[in-house]
N, C-alpha and C. Protein backbone atom coordinates (compact mmCIF):
# COMPACT_ATOMS: atom_id res chain seq x y z
N MET A 1 -66.38 -21.15 -18.66
CA MET A 1 -65.49 -20.06 -18.40
C MET A 1 -64.66 -20.30 -17.14
N GLU A 2 -65.27 -20.83 -16.10
CA GLU A 2 -64.55 -21.10 -14.88
C GLU A 2 -63.51 -22.20 -15.07
N ILE A 3 -63.74 -23.09 -15.94
CA ILE A 3 -62.80 -24.17 -16.20
C ILE A 3 -61.52 -23.61 -16.80
N GLU A 4 -61.63 -22.64 -17.70
CA GLU A 4 -60.45 -22.05 -18.32
C GLU A 4 -59.61 -21.29 -17.29
N VAL A 5 -60.23 -20.56 -16.38
CA VAL A 5 -59.52 -19.78 -15.36
C VAL A 5 -58.76 -20.72 -14.44
N SER A 6 -59.37 -21.77 -13.98
CA SER A 6 -58.68 -22.70 -13.08
C SER A 6 -57.55 -23.42 -13.80
N ARG A 7 -57.68 -23.70 -15.09
CA ARG A 7 -56.58 -24.32 -15.83
C ARG A 7 -55.40 -23.37 -15.95
N ARG A 8 -55.68 -22.08 -16.16
CA ARG A 8 -54.59 -21.10 -16.25
C ARG A 8 -53.82 -21.04 -14.94
N ARG A 9 -54.49 -21.03 -13.84
CA ARG A 9 -53.82 -20.98 -12.54
C ARG A 9 -52.96 -22.21 -12.32
N ALA A 10 -53.42 -23.33 -12.76
CA ALA A 10 -52.66 -24.56 -12.59
C ALA A 10 -51.41 -24.57 -13.46
N THR A 11 -51.44 -23.92 -14.60
CA THR A 11 -50.29 -23.94 -15.50
C THR A 11 -49.33 -22.77 -15.26
N GLN A 12 -49.73 -21.76 -14.48
CA GLN A 12 -48.83 -20.64 -14.22
C GLN A 12 -47.67 -21.12 -13.34
N SER A 13 -46.48 -20.58 -13.68
CA SER A 13 -45.32 -20.96 -12.88
C SER A 13 -44.77 -19.73 -12.17
N GLY A 14 -44.04 -19.97 -11.09
CA GLY A 14 -43.45 -18.88 -10.32
C GLY A 14 -42.54 -19.45 -9.25
N LEU A 15 -41.97 -18.56 -8.47
CA LEU A 15 -41.08 -18.98 -7.39
C LEU A 15 -41.83 -18.94 -6.07
N THR A 16 -41.58 -19.93 -5.27
CA THR A 16 -42.17 -19.92 -3.94
C THR A 16 -41.20 -19.21 -2.99
N LEU A 17 -41.69 -18.91 -1.82
CA LEU A 17 -40.87 -18.24 -0.82
C LEU A 17 -39.69 -19.12 -0.39
N ILE A 18 -39.90 -20.40 -0.30
CA ILE A 18 -38.84 -21.34 0.07
C ILE A 18 -37.72 -21.31 -0.97
N GLU A 19 -38.09 -21.33 -2.23
CA GLU A 19 -37.07 -21.30 -3.29
C GLU A 19 -36.27 -20.01 -3.24
N MET A 20 -36.93 -18.89 -3.00
CA MET A 20 -36.22 -17.61 -2.88
C MET A 20 -35.27 -17.62 -1.69
N LEU A 21 -35.68 -18.16 -0.57
CA LEU A 21 -34.82 -18.22 0.62
C LEU A 21 -33.59 -19.10 0.36
N ILE A 22 -33.76 -20.18 -0.37
CA ILE A 22 -32.64 -21.06 -0.70
C ILE A 22 -31.64 -20.33 -1.58
N VAL A 23 -32.12 -19.59 -2.57
CA VAL A 23 -31.22 -18.82 -3.46
C VAL A 23 -30.46 -17.76 -2.66
N VAL A 24 -31.15 -17.05 -1.78
CA VAL A 24 -30.49 -16.02 -0.96
C VAL A 24 -29.45 -16.67 -0.04
N ALA A 25 -29.74 -17.82 0.52
CA ALA A 25 -28.78 -18.51 1.39
C ALA A 25 -27.54 -18.93 0.61
N ILE A 26 -27.71 -19.44 -0.60
CA ILE A 26 -26.57 -19.85 -1.43
C ILE A 26 -25.70 -18.64 -1.77
N ILE A 27 -26.33 -17.54 -2.14
CA ILE A 27 -25.56 -16.31 -2.45
C ILE A 27 -24.82 -15.82 -1.22
N SER A 28 -25.44 -15.88 -0.05
CA SER A 28 -24.78 -15.44 1.19
C SER A 28 -23.56 -16.30 1.49
N VAL A 29 -23.67 -17.60 1.31
CA VAL A 29 -22.53 -18.49 1.54
C VAL A 29 -21.39 -18.18 0.57
N MET A 30 -21.72 -17.93 -0.69
CA MET A 30 -20.69 -17.61 -1.68
C MET A 30 -19.98 -16.30 -1.33
N ILE A 31 -20.71 -15.30 -0.90
CA ILE A 31 -20.10 -14.02 -0.50
C ILE A 31 -19.24 -14.22 0.73
N GLY A 32 -19.71 -15.01 1.68
CA GLY A 32 -18.93 -15.28 2.89
C GLY A 32 -17.62 -15.98 2.60
N ILE A 33 -17.60 -16.82 1.60
CA ILE A 33 -16.37 -17.52 1.23
C ILE A 33 -15.43 -16.59 0.48
N ALA A 34 -15.95 -15.74 -0.39
CA ALA A 34 -15.11 -14.88 -1.23
C ALA A 34 -14.62 -13.63 -0.51
N PHE A 35 -15.30 -13.14 0.50
CA PHE A 35 -14.95 -11.87 1.13
C PHE A 35 -13.54 -11.83 1.72
N PRO A 36 -13.08 -12.84 2.47
CA PRO A 36 -11.72 -12.76 3.02
C PRO A 36 -10.64 -12.66 1.94
N SER A 37 -10.80 -13.36 0.85
CA SER A 37 -9.77 -13.28 -0.19
C SER A 37 -9.81 -11.93 -0.90
N ILE A 38 -10.97 -11.33 -1.01
CA ILE A 38 -11.07 -10.01 -1.63
C ILE A 38 -10.39 -8.97 -0.74
N THR A 39 -10.64 -9.00 0.57
CA THR A 39 -10.03 -8.02 1.47
C THR A 39 -8.52 -8.24 1.55
N SER A 40 -8.07 -9.48 1.50
CA SER A 40 -6.64 -9.75 1.50
C SER A 40 -6.00 -9.18 0.25
N GLY A 41 -6.67 -9.29 -0.87
CA GLY A 41 -6.15 -8.73 -2.12
C GLY A 41 -6.07 -7.22 -2.07
N ILE A 42 -7.04 -6.58 -1.43
CA ILE A 42 -7.02 -5.12 -1.31
C ILE A 42 -5.86 -4.69 -0.42
N GLU A 43 -5.62 -5.41 0.68
CA GLU A 43 -4.50 -5.07 1.56
C GLU A 43 -3.16 -5.24 0.84
N SER A 44 -3.03 -6.29 0.06
CA SER A 44 -1.80 -6.50 -0.71
C SER A 44 -1.61 -5.40 -1.75
N LEU A 45 -2.70 -4.98 -2.36
CA LEU A 45 -2.64 -3.91 -3.34
C LEU A 45 -2.22 -2.59 -2.70
N ARG A 46 -2.71 -2.31 -1.51
CA ARG A 46 -2.31 -1.08 -0.81
C ARG A 46 -0.82 -1.11 -0.47
N LEU A 47 -0.32 -2.26 -0.02
CA LEU A 47 1.10 -2.37 0.30
C LEU A 47 1.95 -2.20 -0.96
N ARG A 48 1.54 -2.82 -2.04
CA ARG A 48 2.28 -2.70 -3.30
C ARG A 48 2.25 -1.26 -3.81
N SER A 49 1.12 -0.61 -3.69
CA SER A 49 0.99 0.78 -4.11
C SER A 49 1.92 1.69 -3.30
N ALA A 50 1.98 1.47 -1.99
CA ALA A 50 2.85 2.28 -1.13
C ALA A 50 4.32 2.07 -1.49
N THR A 51 4.72 0.82 -1.71
CA THR A 51 6.13 0.57 -2.05
C THR A 51 6.47 1.16 -3.41
N ASP A 52 5.57 1.06 -4.37
CA ASP A 52 5.83 1.64 -5.70
C ASP A 52 5.97 3.16 -5.62
N GLU A 53 5.13 3.80 -4.80
CA GLU A 53 5.21 5.25 -4.67
C GLU A 53 6.51 5.67 -3.98
N ILE A 54 6.94 4.91 -2.99
CA ILE A 54 8.20 5.24 -2.30
C ILE A 54 9.38 5.06 -3.24
N VAL A 55 9.40 3.97 -3.99
CA VAL A 55 10.49 3.74 -4.96
C VAL A 55 10.53 4.87 -5.98
N SER A 56 9.38 5.25 -6.49
CA SER A 56 9.31 6.33 -7.47
C SER A 56 9.83 7.65 -6.89
N THR A 57 9.46 7.94 -5.66
CA THR A 57 9.89 9.19 -5.06
C THR A 57 11.37 9.16 -4.69
N PHE A 58 11.88 8.01 -4.22
CA PHE A 58 13.33 7.87 -3.99
C PHE A 58 14.09 8.15 -5.28
N ASN A 59 13.67 7.51 -6.36
CA ASN A 59 14.35 7.70 -7.65
C ASN A 59 14.26 9.15 -8.12
N SER A 60 13.11 9.77 -7.91
CA SER A 60 12.93 11.16 -8.30
C SER A 60 13.88 12.08 -7.51
N ALA A 61 14.00 11.86 -6.21
CA ALA A 61 14.88 12.69 -5.38
C ALA A 61 16.34 12.50 -5.79
N MET A 62 16.75 11.26 -6.06
CA MET A 62 18.14 11.02 -6.45
C MET A 62 18.44 11.60 -7.83
N ASN A 63 17.51 11.48 -8.76
CA ASN A 63 17.69 12.07 -10.08
C ASN A 63 17.74 13.59 -10.01
N ARG A 64 16.89 14.15 -9.17
CA ARG A 64 16.88 15.61 -9.02
C ARG A 64 18.21 16.11 -8.47
N ALA A 65 18.74 15.43 -7.46
CA ALA A 65 20.03 15.84 -6.88
C ALA A 65 21.14 15.72 -7.91
N ASP A 66 21.11 14.67 -8.70
CA ASP A 66 22.18 14.44 -9.67
C ASP A 66 22.08 15.38 -10.88
N ARG A 67 20.91 15.54 -11.41
CA ARG A 67 20.75 16.34 -12.64
C ARG A 67 20.76 17.84 -12.40
N ARG A 68 20.18 18.27 -11.30
CA ARG A 68 20.13 19.71 -11.04
C ARG A 68 21.28 20.18 -10.16
N GLN A 69 22.06 19.24 -9.67
CA GLN A 69 23.21 19.55 -8.82
C GLN A 69 22.80 20.34 -7.57
N VAL A 70 21.74 19.88 -6.92
CA VAL A 70 21.30 20.46 -5.65
C VAL A 70 21.06 19.32 -4.67
N ALA A 71 21.27 19.61 -3.41
CA ALA A 71 21.04 18.58 -2.39
C ALA A 71 19.55 18.33 -2.22
N ALA A 72 19.21 17.09 -1.94
CA ALA A 72 17.83 16.71 -1.67
C ALA A 72 17.75 16.10 -0.28
N GLU A 73 16.65 16.36 0.39
CA GLU A 73 16.46 15.86 1.75
C GLU A 73 15.28 14.90 1.77
N ILE A 74 15.46 13.81 2.48
CA ILE A 74 14.39 12.83 2.68
C ILE A 74 14.15 12.74 4.18
N VAL A 75 12.92 12.96 4.59
CA VAL A 75 12.55 12.87 6.01
C VAL A 75 11.50 11.78 6.14
N VAL A 76 11.75 10.84 7.05
CA VAL A 76 10.80 9.75 7.32
C VAL A 76 10.25 9.97 8.72
N ASP A 77 8.95 10.13 8.82
CA ASP A 77 8.30 10.36 10.11
C ASP A 77 7.36 9.20 10.40
N ARG A 78 7.80 8.31 11.27
CA ARG A 78 6.97 7.15 11.62
C ARG A 78 5.73 7.55 12.38
N GLY A 79 5.83 8.61 13.20
CA GLY A 79 4.69 9.06 13.99
C GLY A 79 3.53 9.50 13.11
N LEU A 80 3.84 10.19 12.03
CA LEU A 80 2.81 10.64 11.09
C LEU A 80 2.54 9.62 9.99
N ASN A 81 3.40 8.60 9.91
CA ASN A 81 3.30 7.58 8.87
C ASN A 81 3.42 8.21 7.47
N LYS A 82 4.40 9.14 7.36
CA LYS A 82 4.60 9.88 6.12
C LYS A 82 6.09 10.03 5.82
N MET A 83 6.36 10.38 4.56
CA MET A 83 7.70 10.72 4.12
C MET A 83 7.63 12.07 3.42
N PHE A 84 8.69 12.86 3.59
CA PHE A 84 8.76 14.16 2.95
C PHE A 84 10.04 14.24 2.14
N PHE A 85 9.95 14.81 0.96
CA PHE A 85 11.11 15.01 0.08
C PHE A 85 11.17 16.48 -0.27
N ALA A 86 12.36 17.06 -0.17
CA ALA A 86 12.53 18.47 -0.52
C ALA A 86 13.93 18.66 -1.08
N SER A 87 14.10 19.74 -1.83
CA SER A 87 15.42 20.09 -2.33
C SER A 87 15.61 21.59 -2.19
N ALA A 88 16.80 22.05 -2.54
CA ALA A 88 17.10 23.48 -2.45
C ALA A 88 16.35 24.26 -3.51
N ASP A 89 15.86 23.59 -4.54
CA ASP A 89 15.06 24.28 -5.55
C ASP A 89 13.75 24.76 -4.92
N PRO A 90 13.39 26.00 -5.19
CA PRO A 90 12.11 26.45 -4.65
C PRO A 90 10.95 25.69 -5.30
N GLY A 91 10.00 25.31 -4.48
CA GLY A 91 8.82 24.64 -5.00
C GLY A 91 8.90 23.13 -5.08
N TYR A 92 10.08 22.56 -4.81
CA TYR A 92 10.15 21.09 -4.86
C TYR A 92 9.98 20.54 -3.46
N ARG A 93 8.80 20.07 -3.18
CA ARG A 93 8.50 19.42 -1.91
C ARG A 93 7.41 18.40 -2.18
N ARG A 94 7.68 17.19 -1.79
CA ARG A 94 6.68 16.12 -1.97
C ARG A 94 6.42 15.45 -0.63
N GLU A 95 5.21 15.01 -0.50
CA GLU A 95 4.80 14.31 0.70
C GLU A 95 4.17 12.98 0.28
N VAL A 96 4.62 11.91 0.90
CA VAL A 96 4.08 10.59 0.61
C VAL A 96 3.43 10.06 1.89
N SER A 97 2.11 9.93 1.86
CA SER A 97 1.38 9.37 2.99
C SER A 97 1.12 7.90 2.71
N MET A 98 1.28 7.09 3.72
CA MET A 98 1.01 5.67 3.57
C MET A 98 -0.51 5.45 3.49
N PRO A 99 -0.94 4.54 2.63
CA PRO A 99 -2.38 4.24 2.55
C PRO A 99 -2.90 3.65 3.86
N GLU A 100 -4.19 3.68 4.01
CA GLU A 100 -4.82 3.13 5.20
C GLU A 100 -4.44 1.65 5.35
N GLY A 101 -3.99 1.29 6.53
CA GLY A 101 -3.62 -0.10 6.80
C GLY A 101 -2.16 -0.42 6.56
N VAL A 102 -1.40 0.51 5.99
CA VAL A 102 0.03 0.31 5.75
C VAL A 102 0.80 1.23 6.68
N THR A 103 1.74 0.66 7.43
CA THR A 103 2.52 1.46 8.38
C THR A 103 4.01 1.30 8.12
N ILE A 104 4.74 2.36 8.44
CA ILE A 104 6.20 2.31 8.43
C ILE A 104 6.62 1.73 9.77
N GLU A 105 7.12 0.51 9.75
CA GLU A 105 7.47 -0.17 11.00
C GLU A 105 8.87 0.19 11.50
N ARG A 106 9.80 0.36 10.56
CA ARG A 106 11.18 0.63 10.98
C ARG A 106 11.90 1.37 9.88
N VAL A 107 12.81 2.24 10.27
CA VAL A 107 13.67 2.95 9.34
C VAL A 107 15.06 2.36 9.47
N LEU A 108 15.62 1.99 8.32
CA LEU A 108 16.95 1.37 8.30
C LEU A 108 17.97 2.36 7.77
N PRO A 109 19.18 2.33 8.18
CA PRO A 109 19.75 1.48 9.21
C PRO A 109 19.32 1.96 10.60
N THR A 110 19.17 1.02 11.50
CA THR A 110 18.79 1.37 12.86
C THR A 110 20.01 1.96 13.57
N ILE A 111 19.75 2.94 14.39
CA ILE A 111 20.80 3.59 15.16
C ILE A 111 20.56 3.26 16.62
N PRO A 112 21.56 2.65 17.29
CA PRO A 112 21.37 2.30 18.70
C PRO A 112 21.10 3.55 19.56
N ASN A 113 20.28 3.39 20.56
CA ASN A 113 19.94 4.43 21.53
C ASN A 113 19.24 5.63 20.90
N LEU A 114 18.63 5.45 19.74
CA LEU A 114 17.87 6.52 19.10
C LEU A 114 16.40 6.13 19.14
N ASP A 115 15.58 7.07 19.57
CA ASP A 115 14.14 6.83 19.61
C ASP A 115 13.63 6.63 18.18
N GLN A 116 13.08 5.45 17.89
CA GLN A 116 12.63 5.11 16.55
C GLN A 116 11.43 5.92 16.10
N ASN A 117 10.75 6.60 17.04
CA ASN A 117 9.58 7.39 16.67
C ASN A 117 9.93 8.80 16.23
N LEU A 118 11.18 9.21 16.43
CA LEU A 118 11.61 10.53 15.96
C LEU A 118 11.77 10.52 14.45
N PRO A 119 11.51 11.64 13.80
CA PRO A 119 11.73 11.70 12.34
C PRO A 119 13.21 11.51 12.01
N ARG A 120 13.48 10.76 10.94
CA ARG A 120 14.86 10.54 10.48
C ARG A 120 15.08 11.33 9.20
N GLN A 121 16.24 11.96 9.09
CA GLN A 121 16.57 12.76 7.92
C GLN A 121 17.75 12.14 7.19
N PHE A 122 17.66 12.16 5.87
CA PHE A 122 18.74 11.68 5.01
C PHE A 122 19.00 12.76 3.96
N LEU A 123 20.27 13.03 3.67
CA LEU A 123 20.63 14.01 2.65
C LEU A 123 21.27 13.31 1.47
N ILE A 124 20.86 13.72 0.29
CA ILE A 124 21.45 13.21 -0.94
C ILE A 124 22.21 14.38 -1.57
N HIS A 125 23.52 14.23 -1.65
CA HIS A 125 24.35 15.29 -2.20
C HIS A 125 24.64 15.01 -3.67
N PRO A 126 24.67 16.05 -4.49
CA PRO A 126 24.97 15.83 -5.91
C PRO A 126 26.39 15.32 -6.08
N GLY A 127 26.52 14.25 -6.83
CA GLY A 127 27.83 13.66 -7.07
C GLY A 127 28.39 12.89 -5.90
N GLY A 128 27.65 12.83 -4.80
CA GLY A 128 28.12 12.13 -3.61
C GLY A 128 27.58 10.71 -3.55
N THR A 129 28.02 10.00 -2.55
CA THR A 129 27.54 8.64 -2.33
C THR A 129 26.12 8.69 -1.78
N VAL A 130 25.27 7.87 -2.32
CA VAL A 130 23.88 7.81 -1.85
C VAL A 130 23.86 7.09 -0.51
N PRO A 131 23.19 7.66 0.49
CA PRO A 131 23.15 6.98 1.79
C PRO A 131 22.30 5.72 1.73
N HIS A 132 22.62 4.78 2.59
CA HIS A 132 21.80 3.57 2.69
C HIS A 132 20.52 3.95 3.42
N ILE A 133 19.42 3.86 2.72
CA ILE A 133 18.11 4.19 3.29
C ILE A 133 17.23 2.97 3.13
N GLY A 134 16.52 2.61 4.16
CA GLY A 134 15.60 1.48 4.07
C GLY A 134 14.37 1.70 4.93
N LEU A 135 13.26 1.20 4.45
CA LEU A 135 12.00 1.27 5.20
C LEU A 135 11.38 -0.10 5.23
N GLU A 136 10.92 -0.49 6.39
CA GLU A 136 10.15 -1.73 6.52
C GLU A 136 8.68 -1.33 6.63
N LEU A 137 7.89 -1.81 5.70
CA LEU A 137 6.46 -1.51 5.66
C LEU A 137 5.68 -2.77 6.01
N LYS A 138 4.55 -2.58 6.68
CA LYS A 138 3.71 -3.71 7.05
C LYS A 138 2.25 -3.32 6.86
N ASN A 139 1.44 -4.29 6.41
CA ASN A 139 0.00 -4.04 6.30
C ASN A 139 -0.74 -4.82 7.39
N ARG A 140 -2.06 -4.70 7.39
CA ARG A 140 -2.88 -5.35 8.43
C ARG A 140 -2.84 -6.87 8.37
N LYS A 141 -2.56 -7.41 7.21
CA LYS A 141 -2.50 -8.87 7.05
C LYS A 141 -1.12 -9.42 7.40
N ASN A 142 -0.29 -8.57 8.02
CA ASN A 142 1.06 -8.95 8.46
C ASN A 142 1.98 -9.32 7.30
N GLN A 143 1.78 -8.66 6.17
CA GLN A 143 2.68 -8.81 5.04
C GLN A 143 3.70 -7.68 5.13
N TRP A 144 4.96 -8.00 4.86
CA TRP A 144 6.05 -7.04 5.01
C TRP A 144 6.73 -6.80 3.68
N ARG A 145 7.20 -5.59 3.48
CA ARG A 145 8.05 -5.23 2.34
C ARG A 145 9.16 -4.33 2.85
N ILE A 146 10.33 -4.50 2.28
CA ILE A 146 11.45 -3.63 2.60
C ILE A 146 11.79 -2.85 1.34
N VAL A 147 11.74 -1.52 1.44
CA VAL A 147 12.13 -0.64 0.35
C VAL A 147 13.45 -0.03 0.76
N SER A 148 14.48 -0.23 -0.05
CA SER A 148 15.80 0.29 0.32
C SER A 148 16.50 0.87 -0.90
N VAL A 149 17.47 1.72 -0.62
CA VAL A 149 18.29 2.30 -1.67
C VAL A 149 19.68 1.69 -1.51
N ASP A 150 20.15 1.09 -2.58
CA ASP A 150 21.49 0.49 -2.58
C ASP A 150 22.52 1.60 -2.75
N PRO A 151 23.44 1.78 -1.79
CA PRO A 151 24.40 2.87 -1.90
C PRO A 151 25.41 2.69 -3.04
N ILE A 152 25.59 1.47 -3.50
CA ILE A 152 26.56 1.24 -4.58
C ILE A 152 25.94 1.60 -5.94
N THR A 153 24.74 1.11 -6.20
CA THR A 153 24.11 1.37 -7.49
C THR A 153 23.26 2.64 -7.48
N GLY A 154 22.81 3.06 -6.30
CA GLY A 154 21.96 4.24 -6.21
C GLY A 154 20.54 3.99 -6.66
N SER A 155 20.15 2.73 -6.74
CA SER A 155 18.79 2.42 -7.18
C SER A 155 17.96 1.88 -6.02
N ALA A 156 16.68 2.17 -6.09
CA ALA A 156 15.76 1.70 -5.06
C ALA A 156 15.37 0.26 -5.36
N GLN A 157 15.26 -0.53 -4.31
CA GLN A 157 14.92 -1.95 -4.44
C GLN A 157 13.80 -2.31 -3.48
N VAL A 158 13.03 -3.31 -3.86
CA VAL A 158 11.94 -3.80 -3.02
C VAL A 158 12.16 -5.28 -2.77
N ALA A 159 12.04 -5.67 -1.52
CA ALA A 159 12.16 -7.08 -1.14
C ALA A 159 11.04 -7.43 -0.18
N GLU A 160 10.57 -8.65 -0.25
CA GLU A 160 9.55 -9.11 0.69
C GLU A 160 10.26 -9.67 1.92
N ARG A 161 9.65 -9.47 3.05
CA ARG A 161 10.23 -9.94 4.31
C ARG A 161 9.20 -10.83 4.99
N GLN A 162 9.67 -11.94 5.50
CA GLN A 162 8.78 -12.83 6.24
C GLN A 162 8.66 -12.33 7.67
N PRO A 163 7.45 -12.34 8.25
CA PRO A 163 7.27 -11.85 9.62
C PRO A 163 8.00 -12.68 10.64
């Protein structure tokens, strides 16, 4: 009977502590290599999301002014890192907050001797020329995007900017 028990122990297989530590070390190295690219992808996604939302809201404000024949106001507040859209229609007010890690770096066109931290206002008049509006956005990974409205076509455009 004792011979059978000792044979079973000799044939049983399992993992030793050393083998488990090696597996944990390999997994840790793989996570350490993949983490920077994952966080960079998240930052890029936040920047893209912010630019898409701004383009959508620019287009919405311009369409509203044109179709409803009411003036629309766009306010860019760098201090709050937000944009506000409103029109003469009651109840139309939108607020666009930049995602975490995305900042409004500059409002275009720049006006000499104007404090860049003050809120900037733009008016869109029905049937009028669309003002040139531009925003330079930056994320933590130093990636830049410029969202602007072309005054000739009246459409919002996105361009990448090198730091």
